[in-house]
C-alpha atoms as a PDB file:
ATOM      1  CA  MET A   1     -63.505 -12.603  -3.664  1.00  0.00           C
ATOM      2  CA  LYS A   2     -61.208  -9.805  -2.570  1.00  0.00           C
ATOM      3  CA  ARG A   3     -60.354 -11.670   0.661  1.00  0.00           C
ATOM      4  CA  VAL A   4     -59.467 -14.807  -1.295  1.00  0.00           C
ATOM      5  CA  PHE A   5     -57.202 -12.802  -3.570  1.00  0.00           C
ATOM      6  CA  LEU A   6     -55.426 -11.147  -0.641  1.00  0.00           C
ATOM      7  CA  LEU A   7     -54.996 -14.472   1.158  1.00  0.00           C
ATOM      8  CA  THR A   8     -53.554 -16.073  -1.973  1.00  0.00           C
ATOM      9  CA  ALA A   9     -51.148 -13.165  -2.447  1.00  0.00           C
ATOM     10  CA  LEU A  10     -50.056 -13.422   1.192  1.00  0.00           C
ATOM     11  CA  ILE A  11     -49.386 -17.162   0.881  1.00  0.00           C
ATOM     12  CA  LEU A  12     -47.366 -16.606  -2.277  1.00  0.00           C
ATOM     13  CA  ALA A  13     -45.382 -13.796  -0.610  1.00  0.00           C
ATOM     14  CA  ILE A  14     -44.594 -15.983   2.421  1.00  0.00           C
ATOM     15  CA  GLY A  15     -43.490 -18.787   0.140  1.00  0.00           C
ATOM     16  CA  HIS A  16     -41.267 -16.386  -1.788  1.00  0.00           C
ATOM     17  CA  MET A  17     -39.695 -15.082   1.429  1.00  0.00           C
ATOM     18  CA  SER A  18     -39.044 -18.624   2.647  1.00  0.00           C
ATOM     19  CA  ALA A  19     -37.396 -19.480  -0.658  1.00  0.00           C
ATOM     20  CA  GLN A  20     -34.904 -16.666  -0.079  1.00  0.00           C
ATOM     21  CA  VAL A  21     -33.544 -18.228   3.129  1.00  0.00           C
ATOM     22  CA  ILE A  22     -31.217 -21.206   3.451  1.00  0.00           C
ATOM     23  CA  TYR A  23     -31.218 -22.726   6.949  1.00  0.00           C
ATOM     24  CA  VAL A  24     -28.130 -24.304   8.545  1.00  0.00           C
ATOM     25  CA  LYS A  25     -27.945 -26.253  11.792  1.00  0.00           C
ATOM     26  CA  LYS A  26     -25.331 -28.596  13.239  1.00  0.00           C
ATOM     27  CA  GLY A  27     -26.270 -32.183  12.487  1.00  0.00           C
ATOM     28  CA  GLY A  28     -28.667 -31.160   9.728  1.00  0.00           C
ATOM     29  CA  ASN A  29     -29.073 -33.337   6.669  1.00  0.00           C
ATOM     30  CA  GLY A  30     -31.801 -31.549   4.762  1.00  0.00           C
ATOM     31  CA  ASP A  31     -32.091 -29.272   1.761  1.00  0.00           C
ATOM     32  CA  GLY A  32     -31.952 -26.066   3.825  1.00  0.00           C
ATOM     33  CA  SER A  33     -35.557 -25.138   3.105  1.00  0.00           C
ATOM     34  CA  SER A  34     -36.548 -24.749   6.792  1.00  0.00           C
ATOM     35  CA  TRP A  35     -35.356 -25.254  10.362  1.00  0.00           C
ATOM     36  CA  ASN A  36     -36.895 -28.699  10.119  1.00  0.00           C
ATOM     37  CA  GLN A  37     -34.833 -29.477   7.023  1.00  0.00           C
ATOM     38  CA  PRO A  38     -31.562 -27.606   7.614  1.00  0.00           C
ATOM     39  CA  MET A  39     -28.264 -28.154   5.899  1.00  0.00           C
ATOM     40  CA  GLY A  40     -25.518 -29.375   8.200  1.00  0.00           C
ATOM     41  CA  THR A  41     -22.613 -27.143   7.153  1.00  0.00           C
ATOM     42  CA  VAL A  42     -22.100 -23.512   6.243  1.00  0.00           C
ATOM     43  CA  GLN A  43     -20.016 -24.545   3.236  1.00  0.00           C
ATOM     44  CA  GLU A  44     -22.990 -26.401   1.739  1.00  0.00           C
ATOM     45  CA  ALA A  45     -25.138 -23.294   2.076  1.00  0.00           C
ATOM     46  CA  LEU A  46     -22.497 -21.015   0.557  1.00  0.00           C
ATOM     47  CA  LEU A  47     -22.223 -23.281  -2.475  1.00  0.00           C
ATOM     48  CA  ARG A  48     -26.002 -23.146  -2.907  1.00  0.00           C
ATOM     49  CA  ALA A  49     -26.477 -19.433  -2.268  1.00  0.00           C
ATOM     50  CA  LYS A  50     -26.861 -16.893  -5.049  1.00  0.00           C
ATOM     51  CA  SER A  51     -27.081 -13.107  -4.907  1.00  0.00           C
ATOM     52  CA  GLY A  52     -30.186 -12.016  -3.007  1.00  0.00           C
ATOM     53  CA  LYS A  53     -30.279 -15.111  -0.786  1.00  0.00           C
ATOM     54  CA  GLN A  54     -29.983 -15.148   3.005  1.00  0.00           C
ATOM     55  CA  ILE A  55     -28.312 -17.876   5.044  1.00  0.00           C
ATOM     56  CA  TRP A  56     -29.492 -18.334   8.647  1.00  0.00           C
ATOM     57  CA  VAL A  57     -27.070 -20.299  10.813  1.00  0.00           C
ATOM     58  CA  ALA A  58     -27.920 -21.797  14.195  1.00  0.00           C
ATOM     59  CA  SER A  59     -25.427 -21.793  17.076  1.00  0.00           C
ATOM     60  CA  GLY A  60     -22.453 -24.134  16.974  1.00  0.00           C
ATOM     61  CA  LYS A  61     -18.956 -24.392  15.575  1.00  0.00           C
ATOM     62  CA  TYR A  62     -18.573 -24.720  11.816  1.00  0.00           C
ATOM     63  CA  PHE A  63     -15.287 -25.563  10.126  1.00  0.00           C
ATOM     64  CA  THR A  64     -13.786 -24.461   6.827  1.00  0.00           C
ATOM     65  CA  THR A  65     -13.408 -28.092   5.757  1.00  0.00           C
ATOM     66  CA  ARG A  66     -13.966 -31.665   6.858  1.00  0.00           C
ATOM     67  CA  ASP A  67     -10.472 -32.662   5.763  1.00  0.00           C
ATOM     68  CA  ASN A  68      -7.077 -31.078   6.480  1.00  0.00           C
ATOM     69  CA  ASP A  69      -6.915 -28.693   3.505  1.00  0.00           C
ATOM     70  CA  ARG A  70      -5.583 -25.441   4.948  1.00  0.00           C
ATOM     71  CA  THR A  71      -6.348 -23.498   1.757  1.00  0.00           C
ATOM     72  CA  LYS A  72     -10.126 -23.771   2.127  1.00  0.00           C
ATOM     73  CA  SER A  73     -12.054 -20.767   3.464  1.00  0.00           C
ATOM     74  CA  PHE A  74     -15.639 -19.670   3.890  1.00  0.00           C
ATOM     75  CA  VAL A  75     -15.966 -17.792   0.590  1.00  0.00           C
ATOM     76  CA  ILE A  76     -18.924 -15.404   0.799  1.00  0.00           C
ATOM     77  CA  PRO A  77     -20.640 -14.997  -2.604  1.00  0.00           C
ATOM     78  CA  GLU A  78     -21.460 -11.532  -3.909  1.00  0.00           C
ATOM     79  CA  GLY A  79     -24.816 -10.221  -2.728  1.00  0.00           C
ATOM     80  CA  VAL A  80     -25.430 -12.993  -0.180  1.00  0.00           C
ATOM     81  CA  GLU A  81     -26.438 -12.159   3.403  1.00  0.00           C
ATOM     82  CA  ILE A  82     -25.340 -14.614   6.081  1.00  0.00           C
ATOM     83  CA  TYR A  83     -26.575 -14.325   9.665  1.00  0.00           C
ATOM     84  CA  GLY A  84     -25.566 -16.196  12.811  1.00  0.00           C
ATOM     85  CA  GLY A  85     -26.951 -16.196  16.338  1.00  0.00           C
ATOM     86  CA  PHE A  86     -30.029 -18.373  15.890  1.00  0.00           C
ATOM     87  CA  ALA A  87     -31.279 -21.036  18.299  1.00  0.00           C
ATOM     88  CA  GLY A  88     -32.926 -22.829  15.402  1.00  0.00           C
ATOM     89  CA  TYR A  89     -36.620 -21.949  15.547  1.00  0.00           C
ATOM     90  CA  GLU A  90     -36.775 -18.213  14.751  1.00  0.00           C
ATOM     91  CA  THR A  91     -38.995 -16.765  12.050  1.00  0.00           C
ATOM     92  CA  SER A  92     -37.369 -13.314  11.857  1.00  0.00           C
ATOM     93  CA  LEU A  93     -33.905 -11.790  12.196  1.00  0.00           C
ATOM     94  CA  ASP A  94     -35.051  -9.741  15.187  1.00  0.00           C
ATOM     95  CA  GLN A  95     -35.568 -12.915  17.229  1.00  0.00           C
ATOM     96  CA  ARG A  96     -31.953 -14.132  17.101  1.00  0.00           C
ATOM     97  CA  ASN A  97     -29.381 -13.568  19.861  1.00  0.00           C
ATOM     98  CA  PRO A  98     -25.749 -13.697  18.649  1.00  0.00           C
ATOM     99  CA  ILE A  99     -24.389 -13.368  22.202  1.00  0.00           C
ATOM    100  CA  LYS A 100     -26.437 -16.214  23.655  1.00  0.00           C
ATOM    101  CA  ASN A 101     -26.289 -18.404  20.548  1.00  0.00           C
ATOM    102  CA  LEU A 102     -22.617 -18.241  19.595  1.00  0.00           C
ATOM    103  CA  THR A 103     -22.136 -19.162  15.964  1.00  0.00           C
ATOM    104  CA  ILE A 104     -18.485 -19.859  15.212  1.00  0.00           C
ATOM    105  CA  LEU A 105     -16.677 -19.931  11.887  1.00  0.00           C
ATOM    106  CA  SER A 106     -13.497 -21.773  12.750  1.00  0.00           C
ATOM    107  CA  GLY A 107     -10.179 -22.519  11.088  1.00  0.00           C
ATOM    108  CA  GLU A 108      -9.423 -25.233  13.626  1.00  0.00           C
ATOM    109  CA  ILE A 109      -8.677 -28.260  11.472  1.00  0.00           C
ATOM    110  CA  GLY A 110      -6.093 -31.039  11.709  1.00  0.00           C
ATOM    111  CA  GLN A 111      -4.211 -31.359  14.997  1.00  0.00           C
ATOM    112  CA  PRO A 112      -5.121 -29.430  18.183  1.00  0.00           C
ATOM    113  CA  SER A 113      -2.340 -26.872  17.641  1.00  0.00           C
ATOM    114  CA  LYS A 114      -2.798 -23.886  15.326  1.00  0.00           C
ATOM    115  CA  ASP A 115       0.179 -24.895  13.171  1.00  0.00           C
ATOM    116  CA  ASP A 116      -2.023 -26.680  10.640  1.00  0.00           C
ATOM    117  CA  ASN A 117      -5.182 -24.564  10.902  1.00  0.00           C
ATOM    118  CA  ALA A 118      -6.824 -22.965   7.877  1.00  0.00           C
ATOM    119  CA  TYR A 119      -4.764 -20.091   6.521  1.00  0.00           C
ATOM    120  CA  THR A 120      -7.819 -17.840   6.119  1.00  0.00           C
ATOM    121  CA  VAL A 121     -11.216 -18.438   7.717  1.00  0.00           C
ATOM    122  CA  VAL A 122     -13.383 -16.005   5.692  1.00  0.00           C
ATOM    123  CA  TYR A 123     -12.666 -14.658   2.206  1.00  0.00           C
ATOM    124  CA  THR A 124     -14.424 -11.974   0.169  1.00  0.00           C
ATOM    125  CA  LYS A 125     -13.410 -10.545  -3.194  1.00  0.00           C
ATOM    126  CA  ASN A 126     -15.027  -7.621  -4.991  1.00  0.00           C
ATOM    127  CA  ALA A 127     -18.085  -7.875  -2.747  1.00  0.00           C
ATOM    128  CA  SER A 128     -20.633  -5.061  -2.863  1.00  0.00           C
ATOM    129  CA  SER A 129     -22.347  -3.545   0.178  1.00  0.00           C
ATOM    130  CA  SER A 130     -25.266  -5.933  -0.393  1.00  0.00           C
ATOM    131  CA  THR A 131     -22.966  -8.690   0.864  1.00  0.00           C
ATOM    132  CA  VAL A 132     -23.699  -8.937   4.611  1.00  0.00           C
ATOM    133  CA  ILE A 133     -22.056 -10.984   7.360  1.00  0.00           C
ATOM    134  CA  ASP A 134     -23.697 -10.543  10.755  1.00  0.00           C
ATOM    135  CA  GLY A 135     -23.486 -12.322  14.105  1.00  0.00           C
ATOM    136  CA  PHE A 136     -20.470 -14.656  13.904  1.00  0.00           C
ATOM    137  CA  VAL A 137     -17.305 -15.450  15.820  1.00  0.00           C
ATOM    138  CA  VAL A 138     -14.382 -15.742  13.387  1.00  0.00           C
ATOM    139  CA  MET A 139     -11.508 -17.600  14.998  1.00  0.00           C
ATOM    140  CA  GLY A 140      -8.660 -20.047  14.624  1.00  0.00           C
ATOM    141  CA  GLY A 141      -7.138 -18.770  11.386  1.00  0.00           C
ATOM    142  CA  SER A 142      -3.385 -19.339  11.061  1.00  0.00           C
ATOM    143  CA  ALA A 143      -1.804 -17.405   8.185  1.00  0.00           C
ATOM    144  CA  THR A 144       1.787 -18.050   9.182  1.00  0.00           C
ATOM    145  CA  GLY A 145       3.156 -19.313   5.883  1.00  0.00           C
ATOM    146  CA  SER A 146       6.163 -17.923   4.064  1.00  0.00           C
ATOM    147  CA  ALA A 147       5.883 -14.378   2.732  1.00  0.00           C
ATOM    148  CA  SER A 148       6.920 -15.710  -0.681  1.00  0.00           C
ATOM    149  CA  GLN A 149       3.811 -17.901  -0.875  1.00  0.00           C
ATOM    150  CA  ASN A 150       0.227 -17.032  -1.745  1.00  0.00           C
ATOM    151  CA  PRO A 151      -0.726 -13.854   0.219  1.00  0.00           C
ATOM    152  CA  LEU A 152      -3.650 -15.740   1.772  1.00  0.00           C
ATOM    153  CA  HIS A 153      -1.108 -18.014   3.425  1.00  0.00           C
ATOM    154  CA  HIS A 154       0.448 -15.230   5.499  1.00  0.00           C
ATOM    155  CA  LYS A 155      -2.131 -12.419   5.618  1.00  0.00           C
ATOM    156  CA  GLY A 156      -5.705 -12.125   6.848  1.00  0.00           C
ATOM    157  CA  ALA A 157      -6.045 -15.213   9.040  1.00  0.00           C
ATOM    158  CA  GLY A 158      -9.521 -14.274  10.247  1.00  0.00           C
ATOM    159  CA  TRP A 159     -10.716 -12.478   7.138  1.00  0.00           C
ATOM    160  CA  TYR A 160      -9.092 -11.565   3.825  1.00  0.00           C
ATOM    161  CA  ASN A 161     -11.083  -8.880   1.997  1.00  0.00           C
ATOM    162  CA  GLU A 162      -9.761  -8.232  -1.501  1.00  0.00           C
ATOM    163  CA  ALA A 163     -10.617  -5.490  -3.984  1.00  0.00           C
ATOM    164  CA  THR A 164      -8.787  -6.247  -7.235  1.00  0.00           C
ATOM    165  CA  ASN A 165      -9.543  -3.782 -10.041  1.00  0.00           C
ATOM    166  CA  ALA A 166     -12.979  -3.314  -8.468  1.00  0.00           C
ATOM    167  CA  ASN A 167     -14.756  -2.453  -5.216  1.00  0.00           C
ATOM    168  CA  SER A 168     -15.042  -4.702  -2.162  1.00  0.00           C
ATOM    169  CA  SER A 169     -17.274  -3.226   0.510  1.00  0.00           C
ATOM    170  CA  PRO A 170     -19.096  -5.956   2.455  1.00  0.00           C
ATOM    171  CA  ALA A 171     -21.134  -5.022   5.533  1.00  0.00           C
ATOM    172  CA  ILE A 172     -19.772  -6.760   8.652  1.00  0.00           C
ATOM    173  CA  ARG A 173     -21.826  -6.413  11.822  1.00  0.00           C
ATOM    174  CA  ASN A 174     -21.941  -7.912  15.312  1.00  0.00           C
ATOM    175  CA  CYS A 175     -18.942 -10.166  14.720  1.00  0.00           C
ATOM    176  CA  ILE A 176     -16.064 -11.200  16.971  1.00  0.00           C
ATOM    177  CA  PHE A 177     -12.587 -11.794  15.530  1.00  0.00           C
ATOM    178  CA  MET A 178     -10.495 -13.657  18.055  1.00  0.00           C
ATOM    179  CA  ASP A 179      -7.459 -15.903  18.438  1.00  0.00           C
ATOM    180  CA  ASN A 180      -6.266 -15.574  14.855  1.00  0.00           C
ATOM    181  CA  ILE A 181      -2.536 -15.496  14.046  1.00  0.00           C
ATOM    182  CA  ALA A 182      -0.722 -14.278  10.939  1.00  0.00           C
ATOM    183  CA  ARG A 183       2.386 -12.584   9.711  1.00  0.00           C
ATOM    184  CA  GLU A 184       0.251  -9.547   8.787  1.00  0.00           C
ATOM    185  CA  GLY A 185      -3.374  -8.618   9.504  1.00  0.00           C
ATOM    186  CA  ALA A 186      -4.257 -11.479  11.825  1.00  0.00           C
ATOM    187  CA  GLY A 187      -7.857 -10.446  12.476  1.00  0.00           C
ATOM    188  CA  MET A 188      -8.563  -8.889   9.075  1.00  0.00           C
ATOM    189  CA  TYR A 189      -6.601  -7.859   5.984  1.00  0.00           C
ATOM    190  CA  ASN A 190      -8.167  -5.284   3.657  1.00  0.00           C
ATOM    191  CA  TYR A 191      -6.384  -5.260   0.303  1.00  0.00           C
ATOM    192  CA  ALA A 192      -7.086  -2.519  -2.248  1.00  0.00           C
ATOM    193  CA  ASN A 193      -5.253  -4.010  -5.205  1.00  0.00           C
ATOM    194  CA  ASN A 194      -5.821  -1.363  -7.886  1.00  0.00           C
ATOM    195  CA  GLY A 195      -9.335  -1.161  -6.507  1.00  0.00           C
ATOM    196  CA  THR A 196     -11.405   0.330  -3.704  1.00  0.00           C
ATOM    197  CA  CYS A 197     -11.675  -1.530  -0.411  1.00  0.00           C
ATOM    198  CA  GLU A 198     -14.337   0.030   1.824  1.00  0.00           C
ATOM    199  CA  PRO A 199     -15.941  -2.532   4.140  1.00  0.00           C
ATOM    200  CA  PHE A 200     -18.431  -1.224   6.687  1.00  0.00           C
ATOM    201  CA  ILE A 201     -17.610  -2.761  10.079  1.00  0.00           C
ATOM    202  CA  GLU A 202     -20.019  -2.094  12.941  1.00  0.00           C
ATOM    203  CA  ASN A 203     -20.360  -3.367  16.521  1.00  0.00           C
ATOM    204  CA  CYS A 204     -17.504  -5.828  16.113  1.00  0.00           C
ATOM    205  CA  LYS A 205     -14.813  -7.006  18.520  1.00  0.00           C
ATOM    206  CA  PHE A 206     -11.191  -7.817  17.698  1.00  0.00           C
ATOM    207  CA  ILE A 207      -9.774  -9.799  20.595  1.00  0.00           C
ATOM    208  CA  HIS A 208      -6.350 -11.402  21.001  1.00  0.00           C
ATOM    209  CA  ASN A 209      -5.315 -11.528  17.366  1.00  0.00           C
ATOM    210  CA  ILE A 210      -1.543 -11.783  16.935  1.00  0.00           C
ATOM    211  CA  SER A 211       0.603 -10.781  13.961  1.00  0.00           C
ATOM    212  CA  GLU A 212       4.281 -11.580  13.827  1.00  0.00           C
ATOM    213  CA  VAL A 213       4.904  -8.398  11.846  1.00  0.00           C
ATOM    214  CA  ASP A 214       2.177  -5.760  11.320  1.00  0.00           C
ATOM    215  CA  GLY A 215      -1.511  -5.234  12.036  1.00  0.00           C
ATOM    216  CA  GLY A 216      -2.549  -7.440  14.922  1.00  0.00           C
ATOM    217  CA  ALA A 217      -6.299  -6.837  14.541  1.00  0.00           C
ATOM    218  CA  ILE A 218      -6.543  -5.104  11.139  1.00  0.00           C
ATOM    219  CA  PHE A 219      -4.144  -4.327   8.288  1.00  0.00           C
ATOM    220  CA  ASN A 220      -5.390  -1.797   5.703  1.00  0.00           C
ATOM    221  CA  ASP A 221      -3.340  -1.918   2.490  1.00  0.00           C
ATOM    222  CA  GLY A 222      -3.975   0.758  -0.140  1.00  0.00           C
ATOM    223  CA  ASN A 223      -1.828  -0.898  -2.778  1.00  0.00           C
ATOM    224  CA  ASN A 224      -2.286   1.312  -5.883  1.00  0.00           C
ATOM    225  CA  GLY A 225      -5.885   1.785  -4.832  1.00  0.00           C
ATOM    226  CA  LYS A 226      -8.010   3.105  -1.993  1.00  0.00           C
ATOM    227  CA  CYS A 227      -8.403   1.288   1.318  1.00  0.00           C
ATOM    228  CA  ALA A 228     -10.962   3.154   3.419  1.00  0.00           C
ATOM    229  CA  PRO A 229     -12.866   0.848   5.764  1.00  0.00           C
ATOM    230  CA  GLN A 230     -15.429   2.428   8.057  1.00  0.00           C
ATOM    231  CA  LEU A 231     -15.367   1.124  11.617  1.00  0.00           C
ATOM    232  CA  THR A 232     -18.054   2.140  14.090  1.00  0.00           C
ATOM    233  CA  ASN A 233     -18.529   1.090  17.734  1.00  0.00           C
ATOM    234  CA  CYS A 234     -15.819  -1.566  17.651  1.00  0.00           C
ATOM    235  CA  LEU A 235     -13.563  -2.946  20.402  1.00  0.00           C
ATOM    236  CA  PHE A 236      -9.862  -3.751  19.945  1.00  0.00           C
ATOM    237  CA  GLU A 237      -8.587  -5.678  22.952  1.00  0.00           C
ATOM    238  CA  GLY A 238      -5.433  -7.663  23.662  1.00  0.00           C
ATOM    239  CA  ASN A 239      -4.143  -7.710  20.080  1.00  0.00           C
ATOM    240  CA  GLU A 240      -0.407  -7.924  19.395  1.00  0.00           C
ATOM    241  CA  ALA A 241       1.968  -7.003  16.565  1.00  0.00           C
ATOM    242  CA  THR A 242       5.375  -5.522  15.950  1.00  0.00           C
ATOM    243  CA  TYR A 243       3.760  -2.392  14.481  1.00  0.00           C
ATOM    244  CA  GLY A 244       0.095  -1.456  14.784  1.00  0.00           C
ATOM    245  CA  ALA A 245      -1.319  -3.929  17.290  1.00  0.00           C
ATOM    246  CA  GLY A 246      -4.826  -2.555  16.881  1.00  0.00           C
ATOM    247  CA  MET A 247      -4.556  -1.277  13.324  1.00  0.00           C
ATOM    248  CA  PHE A 248      -1.827  -0.908  10.708  1.00  0.00           C
ATOM    249  CA  ASN A 249      -2.352   1.358   7.689  1.00  0.00           C
ATOM    250  CA  LYS A 250      -0.125   1.301   4.607  1.00  0.00           C
ATOM    251  CA  ALA A 251      -0.544   3.577   1.586  1.00  0.00           C
ATOM    252  CA  ASP A 252       1.787   1.757  -0.859  1.00  0.00           C
ATOM    253  CA  TYR A 253       1.274   4.115  -3.830  1.00  0.00           C
ATOM    254  CA  GLY A 254      -2.392   4.449  -2.972  1.00  0.00           C
ATOM    255  CA  LEU A 255      -4.668   5.595  -0.153  1.00  0.00           C
ATOM    256  CA  ALA A 256      -5.045   4.086   3.307  1.00  0.00           C
ATOM    257  CA  VAL A 257      -7.631   6.286   5.001  1.00  0.00           C
ATOM    258  CA  PRO A 258      -9.802   4.303   7.422  1.00  0.00           C
ATOM    259  CA  LYS A 259     -12.575   6.135   9.257  1.00  0.00           C
ATOM    260  CA  VAL A 260     -12.730   4.957  12.855  1.00  0.00           C
ATOM    261  CA  ARG A 261     -15.649   6.185  14.955  1.00  0.00           C
ATOM    262  CA  ASN A 262     -16.483   5.537  18.622  1.00  0.00           C
ATOM    263  CA  CYS A 263     -14.076   2.634  18.947  1.00  0.00           C
ATOM    264  CA  VAL A 264     -12.169   1.473  22.039  1.00  0.00           C
ATOM    265  CA  PHE A 265      -8.544   0.282  22.042  1.00  0.00           C
ATOM    266  CA  VAL A 266      -7.570  -1.472  25.266  1.00  0.00           C
ATOM    267  CA  ALA A 267      -4.580  -3.566  26.380  1.00  0.00           C
ATOM    268  CA  ASN A 268      -3.096  -3.933  22.916  1.00  0.00           C
ATOM    269  CA  ILE A 269       0.657  -4.557  22.672  1.00  0.00           C
ATOM    270  CA  ALA A 270       3.039  -3.312  19.989  1.00  0.00           C
ATOM    271  CA  TYR A 271       6.472  -4.871  20.237  1.00  0.00           C
ATOM    272  CA  ILE A 272       7.895  -1.663  18.724  1.00  0.00           C
ATOM    273  CA  ARG A 273       5.406   1.087  17.736  1.00  0.00           C
ATOM    274  CA  GLY A 274       1.700   1.831  17.534  1.00  0.00           C
ATOM    275  CA  SER A 275      -0.076  -0.249  20.149  1.00  0.00           C
ATOM    276  CA  GLY A 276      -3.342   1.345  19.034  1.00  0.00           C
ATOM    277  CA  VAL A 277      -2.796   2.540  15.467  1.00  0.00           C
ATOM    278  CA  TYR A 278       0.254   2.776  13.227  1.00  0.00           C
ATOM    279  CA  ASN A 279       0.319   4.710   9.946  1.00  0.00           C
ATOM    280  CA  ASP A 280       3.158   3.575   7.698  1.00  0.00           C
ATOM    281  CA  ARG A 281       3.852   6.830   5.895  1.00  0.00           C
ATOM    282  CA  THR A 282       7.330   6.269   4.549  1.00  0.00           C
ATOM    283  CA  ALA A 283       8.907   8.176   1.706  1.00  0.00           C
ATOM    284  CA  SER A 284       8.928   5.051  -0.441  1.00  0.00           C
ATOM    285  CA  SER A 285       5.168   4.440  -0.135  1.00  0.00           C
ATOM    286  CA  LYS A 286       4.292   7.578  -2.141  1.00  0.00           C
ATOM    287  CA  GLY A 287       0.676   7.635  -1.042  1.00  0.00           C
ATOM    288  CA  THR A 288      -1.727   9.075   1.505  1.00  0.00           C
ATOM    289  CA  CYS A 289      -1.992   7.347   4.859  1.00  0.00           C
ATOM    290  CA  ASP A 290      -4.237   8.972   7.460  1.00  0.00           C
ATOM    291  CA  ALA A 291      -6.477   7.260   9.991  1.00  0.00           C
ATOM    292  CA  ILE A 292      -9.383   9.585  10.746  1.00  0.00           C
ATOM    293  CA  MET A 293     -10.542   8.814  14.274  1.00  0.00           C
ATOM    294  CA  THR A 294     -13.546  10.356  16.012  1.00  0.00           C
ATOM    295  CA  GLY A 295     -14.725   9.710  19.565  1.00  0.00           C
ATOM    296  CA  CYS A 296     -12.254   6.878  20.170  1.00  0.00           C
ATOM    297  CA  ARG A 297     -10.808   5.833  23.524  1.00  0.00           C
ATOM    298  CA  PHE A 298      -7.413   4.318  24.370  1.00  0.00           C
ATOM    299  CA  GLU A 299      -6.667   2.485  27.634  1.00  0.00           C
ATOM    300  CA  ASN A 300      -3.658   0.542  28.917  1.00  0.00           C
ATOM    301  CA  ASN A 301      -2.059  -0.052  25.522  1.00  0.00           C
ATOM    302  CA  SER A 302       1.702  -0.506  25.470  1.00  0.00           C
ATOM    303  CA  SER A 303       4.471   0.078  22.919  1.00  0.00           C
ATOM    304  CA  SER A 304       8.217  -0.248  23.284  1.00  0.00           C
ATOM    305  CA  VAL A 305       8.691   3.062  21.462  1.00  0.00           C
ATOM    306  CA  GLY A 306       6.345   6.026  21.130  1.00  0.00           C
ATOM    307  CA  ASN A 307       2.671   6.316  21.956  1.00  0.00           C
ATOM    308  CA  GLU A 308      -0.535   4.416  21.273  1.00  0.00           C
ATOM    309  CA  ILE A 309      -0.929   6.235  17.957  1.00  0.00           C
ATOM    310  CA  SER A 310       2.249   6.391  15.946  1.00  0.00           C
ATOM    311  CA  SER A 311       3.220   7.525  12.466  1.00  0.00           C
ATOM    312  CA  ARG A 312       5.608   9.817  10.646  1.00  0.00           C
ATOM    313  CA  VAL A 313       2.816  12.260   9.827  1.00  0.00           C
ATOM    314  CA  SER A 314      -0.757  11.888  10.986  1.00  0.00           C
ATOM    315  CA  ASN A 315      -3.982  13.797  11.393  1.00  0.00           C
ATOM    316  CA  PHE A 316      -6.323  12.391  13.991  1.00  0.00           C
ATOM    317  CA  ASP A 317      -9.599  13.514  15.419  1.00  0.00           C
ATOM    318  CA  PHE A 318     -10.238  11.594  18.624  1.00  0.00           C
ATOM    319  CA  TYR A 319     -12.116  12.443  21.780  1.00  0.00           C
ATOM    320  CA  GLY A 320     -13.836  14.932  19.473  1.00  0.00           C
ATOM    321  CA  MET A 321     -10.621  16.986  19.272  1.00  0.00           C
ATOM    322  CA  GLU A 322      -7.906  17.440  16.669  1.00  0.00           C
ATOM    323  CA  SER A 323      -4.519  16.045  17.502  1.00  0.00           C
ATOM    324  CA  SER A 324      -1.319  15.309  15.633  1.00  0.00           C
ATOM    325  CA  SER A 325       1.441  12.870  16.321  1.00  0.00           C
ATOM    326  CA  GLY A 326       4.864  12.446  14.785  1.00  0.00           C
ATOM    327  CA  HIS A 327       6.546   9.561  16.560  1.00  0.00           C
END
């Protein structure tokens, strides 16, 4: 009798676990209940997902929309975990391989050029740390609209993370941000709009993201709030911007205090200052702007003026040593 009870409980538990996962695979036309019945698009799964759900996505390229609407993004619901890197048969997260099974979230819509691509590929707003994005390539965003338009049209081409009067701290792991273009924050734009913006970014790569103005890979904006992302074991390579090719931090009457640990900045290009990191501590910003860097490495970055790390006043801890720069 005891064995029957345990077996029944196990079957119920497995069924419950399965119900928590939505499966996505290119060409799928199912209800997302299994790899044999996958949904065909990530957007379908995101519309279905509620807090506590997981979305497992098999390798392939997935687009923000099937039409030419540049305003559509992959909007990640609060409390949803979305994982890429599957071949399409796995039964556990440990079995996936994001490097072998590239899973791409793409803004490439319309014509082959980037001129009409999606403004922003991924969007999160007021997302807690239980919101997880893991194992994706985020590429092809083109936030090059006029600065007078919606901020999402000219900032955060790869990812726009917004904390408005609340906290937005999604966990972002094992992702690659590449070939995104914007006026500001091409790879990622973290916006603390009277809120707290503290995403946890681990084992990610920011490659060849280009901003016309500031923040080639990442722009951290502490607008009347606190912008304090934590970046660990990340690579910044070949990003470009006028200021802050790797990272641009702006206090703007708030706090911009990213914690950057064991990251590598290589071959980034600043047209003026801060090929690695630029802290915009101007008198008018009236805030605190300090990138705290530990165990980071800088190689072959180039700026027209100053060094790889540039700001009016800064306090860095890199290579395990304290250093200050006032360029």
